[in-house]
């Protein structure tokens, strides 16, 4: 599955909103998802005039959920290791 495919995979049809940007069922982080799809065809303009997208995740517990790209917590990928 290509996360940037223009067509949504079937599992996104049952997705529920993960308001706090984690799986609503088991609370796993998005980084633990088995599959990801980003709806890049329908961006939404946020309050700060920046675009945001729906990001869909299929959790390892079987729950499909989505969250806004603007709600994704920051990562420490670029943070230097002490």
PDB file of N, CA and C in Angstrom:
ATOM      1  N   UNK A   1       0.843  -1.187   0.000  1.00  0.00           N
ATOM      2  CA  UNK A   1       0.000   0.000   0.000  1.00  0.00           C
ATOM      3  C   UNK A   1       0.877   1.236   0.000  1.00  0.00           C
ATOM      4  N   UNK A   2       0.610   2.108  -0.918  1.00  0.00           N
ATOM      5  CA  UNK A   2       1.332   3.365  -1.027  1.00  0.00           C
ATOM      6  C   UNK A   2       0.592   4.447  -0.239  1.00  0.00           C
ATOM      7  N   UNK A   3       1.244   5.040   0.741  1.00  0.00           N
ATOM      8  CA  UNK A   3       0.614   6.070   1.570  1.00  0.00           C
ATOM      9  C   UNK A   3       0.152   7.270   0.756  1.00  0.00           C
ATOM     10  N   UNK A   4       0.749   7.480  -0.417  1.00  0.00           N
ATOM     11  CA  UNK A   4       0.404   8.643  -1.236  1.00  0.00           C
ATOM     12  C   UNK A   4      -0.433   8.277  -2.461  1.00  0.00           C
ATOM     13  N   UNK A   5      -1.000   7.087  -2.485  1.00  0.00           N
ATOM     14  CA  UNK A   5      -1.861   6.671  -3.581  1.00  0.00           C
ATOM     15  C   UNK A   5      -3.050   7.624  -3.678  1.00  0.00           C
ATOM     16  N   UNK A   6      -3.484   7.991  -4.885  1.00  0.00           N
ATOM     17  CA  UNK A   6      -4.635   8.891  -5.007  1.00  0.00           C
ATOM     18  C   UNK A   6      -5.959   8.242  -4.600  1.00  0.00           C
ATOM     19  N   UNK A   7      -6.021   6.931  -4.614  1.00  0.00           N
ATOM     20  CA  UNK A   7      -7.258   6.225  -4.262  1.00  0.00           C
ATOM     21  C   UNK A   7      -7.169   5.671  -2.849  1.00  0.00           C
ATOM     22  N   UNK A   8      -8.204   5.890  -2.045  1.00  0.00           N
ATOM     23  CA  UNK A   8      -8.165   5.381  -0.671  1.00  0.00           C
ATOM     24  C   UNK A   8      -8.324   3.865  -0.627  1.00  0.00           C
ATOM     25  N   UNK A   9      -7.589   3.210   0.270  1.00  0.00           N
ATOM     26  CA  UNK A   9      -7.789   1.766   0.445  1.00  0.00           C
ATOM     27  C   UNK A   9      -9.130   1.507   1.138  1.00  0.00           C
ATOM     28  N   UNK A  10      -9.657   0.317   0.986  1.00  0.00           N
ATOM     29  CA  UNK A  10     -10.971  -0.036   1.534  1.00  0.00           C
ATOM     30  C   UNK A  10     -11.032   0.133   3.051  1.00  0.00           C
ATOM     31  N   UNK A  11      -9.944  -0.127   3.760  1.00  0.00           N
ATOM     32  CA  UNK A  11      -9.979  -0.072   5.222  1.00  0.00           C
ATOM     33  C   UNK A  11     -10.226   1.337   5.765  1.00  0.00           C
ATOM     34  N   UNK A  12     -10.047   2.378   4.960  1.00  0.00           N
ATOM     35  CA  UNK A  12     -10.290   3.748   5.428  1.00  0.00           C
ATOM     36  C   UNK A  12     -11.776   4.057   5.584  1.00  0.00           C
ATOM     37  N   UNK A  13     -12.637   3.257   4.941  1.00  0.00           N
ATOM     38  CA  UNK A  13     -14.079   3.517   4.988  1.00  0.00           C
ATOM     39  C   UNK A  13     -14.658   3.391   6.393  1.00  0.00           C
ATOM     40  N   UNK A  14     -14.047   2.609   7.252  1.00  0.00           N
ATOM     41  CA  UNK A  14     -14.560   2.413   8.615  1.00  0.00           C
ATOM     42  C   UNK A  14     -13.762   3.185   9.658  1.00  0.00           C
ATOM     43  N   UNK A  15     -12.873   4.063   9.217  1.00  0.00           N
ATOM     44  CA  UNK A  15     -12.003   4.792  10.151  1.00  0.00           C
ATOM     45  C   UNK A  15     -12.803   5.768  11.009  1.00  0.00           C
ATOM     46  N   UNK A  16     -12.397   5.874  12.262  1.00  0.00           N
ATOM     47  CA  UNK A  16     -12.989   6.852  13.171  1.00  0.00           C
ATOM     48  C   UNK A  16     -11.930   7.875  13.554  1.00  0.00           C
ATOM     49  N   UNK A  17     -12.365   9.047  13.978  1.00  0.00           N
ATOM     50  CA  UNK A  17     -11.443  10.137  14.288  1.00  0.00           C
ATOM     51  C   UNK A  17     -10.708   9.858  15.596  1.00  0.00           C
ATOM     52  N   UNK A  18      -9.401   9.800  15.512  1.00  0.00           N
ATOM     53  CA  UNK A  18      -8.551   9.684  16.701  1.00  0.00           C
ATOM     54  C   UNK A  18      -8.229  11.092  17.168  1.00  0.00           C
ATOM     55  N   UNK A  19      -9.106  11.684  17.938  1.00  0.00           N
ATOM     56  CA  UNK A  19      -9.025  13.091  18.313  1.00  0.00           C
ATOM     57  C   UNK A  19      -7.676  13.440  18.943  1.00  0.00           C
ATOM     58  N   UNK A  20      -7.123  12.547  19.739  1.00  0.00           N
ATOM     59  CA  UNK A  20      -5.858  12.835  20.414  1.00  0.00           C
ATOM     60  C   UNK A  20      -4.673  12.226  19.685  1.00  0.00           C
ATOM     61  N   UNK A  21      -4.849  11.953  18.398  1.00  0.00           N
ATOM     62  CA  UNK A  21      -3.837  11.436  17.476  1.00  0.00           C
ATOM     63  C   UNK A  21      -3.164  10.160  17.960  1.00  0.00           C
ATOM     64  N   UNK A  22      -4.003   9.235  18.393  1.00  0.00           N
ATOM     65  CA  UNK A  22      -3.572   7.872  18.650  1.00  0.00           C
ATOM     66  C   UNK A  22      -4.780   6.980  18.445  1.00  0.00           C
ATOM     67  N   UNK A  23      -4.570   5.691  18.410  1.00  0.00           N
ATOM     68  CA  UNK A  23      -5.668   4.758  18.184  1.00  0.00           C
ATOM     69  C   UNK A  23      -6.710   4.912  19.295  1.00  0.00           C
ATOM     70  N   UNK A  24      -7.961   5.159  18.934  1.00  0.00           N
ATOM     71  CA  UNK A  24      -8.999   5.322  19.954  1.00  0.00           C
ATOM     72  C   UNK A  24      -9.297   4.035  20.731  1.00  0.00           C
ATOM     73  N   UNK A  25      -8.957   2.884  20.160  1.00  0.00           N
ATOM     74  CA  UNK A  25      -9.248   1.616  20.837  1.00  0.00           C
ATOM     75  C   UNK A  25      -8.140   1.226  21.811  1.00  0.00           C
ATOM     76  N   UNK A  26      -6.895   1.142  21.335  1.00  0.00           N
ATOM     77  CA  UNK A  26      -5.812   0.630  22.184  1.00  0.00           C
ATOM     78  C   UNK A  26      -4.783   1.697  22.560  1.00  0.00           C
ATOM     79  N   UNK A  27      -4.915   2.905  22.020  1.00  0.00           N
ATOM     80  CA  UNK A  27      -4.055   4.053  22.323  1.00  0.00           C
ATOM     81  C   UNK A  27      -2.633   3.930  21.792  1.00  0.00           C
ATOM     82  N   UNK A  28      -2.406   3.045  20.806  1.00  0.00           N
ATOM     83  CA  UNK A  28      -1.093   2.973  20.167  1.00  0.00           C
ATOM     84  C   UNK A  28      -0.832   4.244  19.366  1.00  0.00           C
ATOM     85  N   UNK A  29       0.428   4.602  19.256  1.00  0.00           N
ATOM     86  CA  UNK A  29       0.836   5.771  18.476  1.00  0.00           C
ATOM     87  C   UNK A  29       0.702   5.496  16.980  1.00  0.00           C
ATOM     88  N   UNK A  30       0.648   6.563  16.203  1.00  0.00           N
ATOM     89  CA  UNK A  30       0.576   6.438  14.749  1.00  0.00           C
ATOM     90  C   UNK A  30       1.787   5.691  14.201  1.00  0.00           C
ATOM     91  N   UNK A  31       2.927   5.824  14.836  1.00  0.00           N
ATOM     92  CA  UNK A  31       4.145   5.164  14.370  1.00  0.00           C
ATOM     93  C   UNK A  31       4.059   3.637  14.478  1.00  0.00           C
ATOM     94  N   UNK A  32       3.087   3.132  15.219  1.00  0.00           N
ATOM     95  CA  UNK A  32       2.919   1.693  15.369  1.00  0.00           C
ATOM     96  C   UNK A  32       1.881   1.123  14.399  1.00  0.00           C
ATOM     97  N   UNK A  33       1.342   1.959  13.528  1.00  0.00           N
ATOM     98  CA  UNK A  33       0.313   1.516  12.587  1.00  0.00           C
ATOM     99  C   UNK A  33       0.879   0.533  11.575  1.00  0.00           C
ATOM    100  N   UNK A  34       0.039  -0.380  11.127  1.00  0.00           N
ATOM    101  CA  UNK A  34       0.443  -1.355  10.124  1.00  0.00           C
ATOM    102  C   UNK A  34       0.348  -0.777   8.719  1.00  0.00           C
ATOM    103  N   UNK A  35      -0.623   0.121   8.495  1.00  0.00           N
ATOM    104  CA  UNK A  35      -0.795   0.754   7.193  1.00  0.00           C
ATOM    105  C   UNK A  35      -1.132   2.226   7.392  1.00  0.00           C
ATOM    106  N   UNK A  36      -0.753   3.033   6.401  1.00  0.00           N
ATOM    107  CA  UNK A  36      -1.003   4.475   6.447  1.00  0.00           C
ATOM    108  C   UNK A  36      -1.462   4.933   5.075  1.00  0.00           C
ATOM    109  N   UNK A  37      -2.422   5.854   5.065  1.00  0.00           N
ATOM    110  CA  UNK A  37      -2.827   6.497   3.814  1.00  0.00           C
ATOM    111  C   UNK A  37      -3.111   7.966   4.110  1.00  0.00           C
ATOM    112  N   UNK A  38      -2.577   8.860   3.280  1.00  0.00           N
ATOM    113  CA  UNK A  38      -2.761  10.299   3.459  1.00  0.00           C
ATOM    114  C   UNK A  38      -3.644  10.815   2.332  1.00  0.00           C
ATOM    115  N   UNK A  39      -4.738  11.459   2.696  1.00  0.00           N
ATOM    116  CA  UNK A  39      -5.674  11.995   1.716  1.00  0.00           C
ATOM    117  C   UNK A  39      -5.158  13.347   1.217  1.00  0.00           C
ATOM    118  N   UNK A  40      -4.254  13.318   0.266  1.00  0.00           N
ATOM    119  CA  UNK A  40      -3.634  14.538  -0.260  1.00  0.00           C
ATOM    120  C   UNK A  40      -4.488  15.211  -1.324  1.00  0.00           C
ATOM    121  N   UNK A  41      -5.578  14.573  -1.725  1.00  0.00           N
ATOM    122  CA  UNK A  41      -6.430  15.148  -2.767  1.00  0.00           C
ATOM    123  C   UNK A  41      -7.400  16.184  -2.221  1.00  0.00           C
ATOM    124  N   UNK A  42      -7.634  16.192  -0.918  1.00  0.00           N
ATOM    125  CA  UNK A  42      -8.621  17.100  -0.323  1.00  0.00           C
ATOM    126  C   UNK A  42      -8.048  17.847   0.870  1.00  0.00           C
ATOM    127  N   UNK A  43      -7.103  18.760   0.646  1.00  0.00           N
ATOM    128  CA  UNK A  43      -6.580  19.511   1.797  1.00  0.00           C
ATOM    129  C   UNK A  43      -7.635  20.467   2.340  1.00  0.00           C
ATOM    130  N   UNK A  44      -7.497  20.781   3.606  1.00  0.00           N
ATOM    131  CA  UNK A  44      -8.380  21.719   4.285  1.00  0.00           C
ATOM    132  C   UNK A  44      -7.517  22.882   4.754  1.00  0.00           C
ATOM    133  N   UNK A  45      -8.062  24.087   4.694  1.00  0.00           N
ATOM    134  CA  UNK A  45      -7.328  25.257   5.156  1.00  0.00           C
ATOM    135  C   UNK A  45      -7.594  25.449   6.644  1.00  0.00           C
ATOM    136  N   UNK A  46      -6.537  25.495   7.428  1.00  0.00           N
ATOM    137  CA  UNK A  46      -6.670  25.670   8.865  1.00  0.00           C
ATOM    138  C   UNK A  46      -6.869  27.124   9.244  1.00  0.00           C
ATOM    139  N   UNK A  47      -7.053  27.355  10.533  1.00  0.00           N
ATOM    140  CA  UNK A  47      -7.262  28.710  11.046  1.00  0.00           C
ATOM    141  C   UNK A  47      -6.078  29.630  10.764  1.00  0.00           C
ATOM    142  N   UNK A  48      -4.892  29.044  10.674  1.00  0.00           N
ATOM    143  CA  UNK A  48      -3.687  29.833  10.416  1.00  0.00           C
ATOM    144  C   UNK A  48      -3.352  29.886   8.921  1.00  0.00           C
ATOM    145  N   UNK A  49      -4.331  29.534   8.083  1.00  0.00           N
ATOM    146  CA  UNK A  49      -4.204  29.550   6.618  1.00  0.00           C
ATOM    147  C   UNK A  49      -3.163  28.560   6.096  1.00  0.00           C
ATOM    148  N   UNK A  50      -2.885  27.522   6.857  1.00  0.00           N
ATOM    149  CA  UNK A  50      -1.992  26.464   6.409  1.00  0.00           C
ATOM    150  C   UNK A  50      -2.841  25.254   6.047  1.00  0.00           C
ATOM    151  N   UNK A  51      -2.388  24.526   5.036  1.00  0.00           N
ATOM    152  CA  UNK A  51      -3.117  23.335   4.626  1.00  0.00           C
ATOM    153  C   UNK A  51      -2.888  22.193   5.601  1.00  0.00           C
ATOM    154  N   UNK A  52      -3.938  21.387   5.770  1.00  0.00           N
ATOM    155  CA  UNK A  52      -3.814  20.176   6.563  1.00  0.00           C
ATOM    156  C   UNK A  52      -4.563  19.072   5.834  1.00  0.00           C
ATOM    157  N   UNK A  53      -4.148  17.829   6.091  1.00  0.00           N
ATOM    158  CA  UNK A  53      -4.713  16.672   5.420  1.00  0.00           C
ATOM    159  C   UNK A  53      -5.191  15.666   6.452  1.00  0.00           C
ATOM    160  N   UNK A  54      -6.100  14.812   6.010  1.00  0.00           N
ATOM    161  CA  UNK A  54      -6.494  13.675   6.826  1.00  0.00           C
ATOM    162  C   UNK A  54      -5.451  12.579   6.633  1.00  0.00           C
ATOM    163  N   UNK A  55      -4.963  12.065   7.737  1.00  0.00           N
ATOM    164  CA  UNK A  55      -4.021  10.955   7.720  1.00  0.00           C
ATOM    165  C   UNK A  55      -4.742   9.748   8.315  1.00  0.00           C
ATOM    166  N   UNK A  56      -4.801   8.673   7.567  1.00  0.00           N
ATOM    167  CA  UNK A  56      -5.500   7.462   7.987  1.00  0.00           C
ATOM    168  C   UNK A  56      -4.491   6.412   8.421  1.00  0.00           C
ATOM    169  N   UNK A  57      -4.812   5.721   9.509  1.00  0.00           N
ATOM    170  CA  UNK A  57      -3.930   4.702  10.066  1.00  0.00           C
ATOM    171  C   UNK A  57      -4.717   3.429  10.334  1.00  0.00           C
ATOM    172  N   UNK A  58      -4.126   2.294  10.027  1.00  0.00           N
ATOM    173  CA  UNK A  58      -4.703   1.000  10.403  1.00  0.00           C
ATOM    174  C   UNK A  58      -3.824   0.442  11.507  1.00  0.00           C
ATOM    175  N   UNK A  59      -4.369   0.412  12.701  1.00  0.00           N
ATOM    176  CA  UNK A  59      -3.624  -0.015  13.884  1.00  0.00           C
ATOM    177  C   UNK A  59      -3.459  -1.526  13.890  1.00  0.00           C
ATOM    178  N   UNK A  60      -2.469  -1.995  14.635  1.00  0.00           N
ATOM    179  CA  UNK A  60      -2.240  -3.427  14.752  1.00  0.00           C
ATOM    180  C   UNK A  60      -3.370  -4.129  15.498  1.00  0.00           C
ATOM    181  N   UNK A  61      -4.201  -3.385  16.239  1.00  0.00           N
ATOM    182  CA  UNK A  61      -5.354  -3.985  16.921  1.00  0.00           C
ATOM    183  C   UNK A  61      -6.536  -4.156  15.973  1.00  0.00           C
ATOM    184  N   UNK A  62      -6.418  -3.644  14.737  1.00  0.00           N
ATOM    185  CA  UNK A  62      -7.475  -3.782  13.743  1.00  0.00           C
ATOM    186  C   UNK A  62      -8.316  -2.538  13.555  1.00  0.00           C
ATOM    187  N   UNK A  63      -8.202  -1.575  14.455  1.00  0.00           N
ATOM    188  CA  UNK A  63      -8.987  -0.336  14.351  1.00  0.00           C
ATOM    189  C   UNK A  63      -8.391   0.589  13.295  1.00  0.00           C
ATOM    190  N   UNK A  64      -9.230   1.101  12.414  1.00  0.00           N
ATOM    191  CA  UNK A  64      -8.806   2.131  11.468  1.00  0.00           C
ATOM    192  C   UNK A  64      -9.203   3.474  12.065  1.00  0.00           C
ATOM    193  N   UNK A  65      -8.278   4.430  12.032  1.00  0.00           N
ATOM    194  CA  UNK A  65      -8.563   5.757  12.587  1.00  0.00           C
ATOM    195  C   UNK A  65      -7.868   6.816  11.763  1.00  0.00           C
ATOM    196  N   UNK A  66      -8.304   8.054  11.933  1.00  0.00           N
ATOM    197  CA  UNK A  66      -7.690   9.157  11.197  1.00  0.00           C
ATOM    198  C   UNK A  66      -7.504  10.354  12.125  1.00  0.00           C
ATOM    199  N   UNK A  67      -6.579  11.225  11.715  1.00  0.00           N
ATOM    200  CA  UNK A  67      -6.332  12.473  12.428  1.00  0.00           C
ATOM    201  C   UNK A  67      -5.862  13.525  11.443  1.00  0.00           C
ATOM    202  N   UNK A  68      -5.966  14.774  11.832  1.00  0.00           N
ATOM    203  CA  UNK A  68      -5.483  15.867  10.979  1.00  0.00           C
ATOM    204  C   UNK A  68      -3.968  15.946  11.060  1.00  0.00           C
ATOM    205  N   UNK A  69      -3.330  16.220   9.936  1.00  0.00           N
ATOM    206  CA  UNK A  69      -1.864  16.331   9.908  1.00  0.00           C
ATOM    207  C   UNK A  69      -1.378  17.417  10.866  1.00  0.00           C
ATOM    208  N   UNK A  70      -2.182  18.444  11.066  1.00  0.00           N
ATOM    209  CA  UNK A  70      -1.797  19.539  11.969  1.00  0.00           C
ATOM    210  C   UNK A  70      -1.854  19.115  13.442  1.00  0.00           C
ATOM    211  N   UNK A  71      -2.521  18.014  13.741  1.00  0.00           N
ATOM    212  CA  UNK A  71      -2.631  17.528  15.122  1.00  0.00           C
ATOM    213  C   UNK A  71      -1.550  16.520  15.485  1.00  0.00           C
ATOM    214  N   UNK A  72      -0.753  16.106  14.498  1.00  0.00           N
ATOM    215  CA  UNK A  72       0.300  15.132  14.752  1.00  0.00           C
ATOM    216  C   UNK A  72       1.310  15.727  15.730  1.00  0.00           C
ATOM    217  N   UNK A  73       1.645  15.004  16.794  1.00  0.00           N
ATOM    218  CA  UNK A  73       2.612  15.536  17.750  1.00  0.00           C
ATOM    219  C   UNK A  73       4.001  15.663  17.118  1.00  0.00           C
ATOM    220  N   UNK A  74       4.803  16.588  17.600  1.00  0.00           N
ATOM    221  CA  UNK A  74       6.155  16.735  17.054  1.00  0.00           C
ATOM    222  C   UNK A  74       7.007  15.503  17.326  1.00  0.00           C
ATOM    223  N   UNK A  75       7.945  15.251  16.451  1.00  0.00           N
ATOM    224  CA  UNK A  75       8.861  14.128  16.630  1.00  0.00           C
ATOM    225  C   UNK A  75      10.219  14.643  17.053  1.00  0.00           C
ATOM    226  N   UNK A  76      11.042  13.757  17.544  1.00  0.00           N
ATOM    227  CA  UNK A  76      12.397  14.140  17.939  1.00  0.00           C
ATOM    228  C   UNK A  76      13.419  13.584  16.956  1.00  0.00           C
ATOM    229  N   UNK A  77      13.032  13.431  15.703  1.00  0.00           N
ATOM    230  CA  UNK A  77      13.915  12.869  14.691  1.00  0.00           C
ATOM    231  C   UNK A  77      15.182  13.703  14.510  1.00  0.00           C
ATOM    232  N   UNK A  78      15.052  14.998  14.521  1.00  0.00           N
ATOM    233  CA  UNK A  78      16.200  15.880  14.308  1.00  0.00           C
ATOM    234  C   UNK A  78      16.868  16.314  15.616  1.00  0.00           C
ATOM    235  N   UNK A  79      16.369  15.824  16.718  1.00  0.00           N
ATOM    236  CA  UNK A  79      16.907  16.202  18.022  1.00  0.00           C
ATOM    237  C   UNK A  79      18.241  15.495  18.255  1.00  0.00           C
ATOM    238  N   UNK A  80      19.281  16.226  18.625  1.00  0.00           N
ATOM    239  CA  UNK A  80      20.584  15.575  18.867  1.00  0.00           C
ATOM    240  C   UNK A  80      20.517  14.659  20.080  1.00  0.00           C
ATOM    241  N   UNK A  81      21.264  13.570  20.008  1.00  0.00           N
ATOM    242  CA  UNK A  81      21.322  12.616  21.119  1.00  0.00           C
ATOM    243  C   UNK A  81      22.336  13.110  22.127  1.00  0.00           C
ATOM    244  N   UNK A  82      21.919  13.161  23.393  1.00  0.00           N
ATOM    245  CA  UNK A  82      22.808  13.641  24.460  1.00  0.00           C
ATOM    246  C   UNK A  82      23.769  12.579  24.905  1.00  0.00           C
TER     247      UNK A  82
END
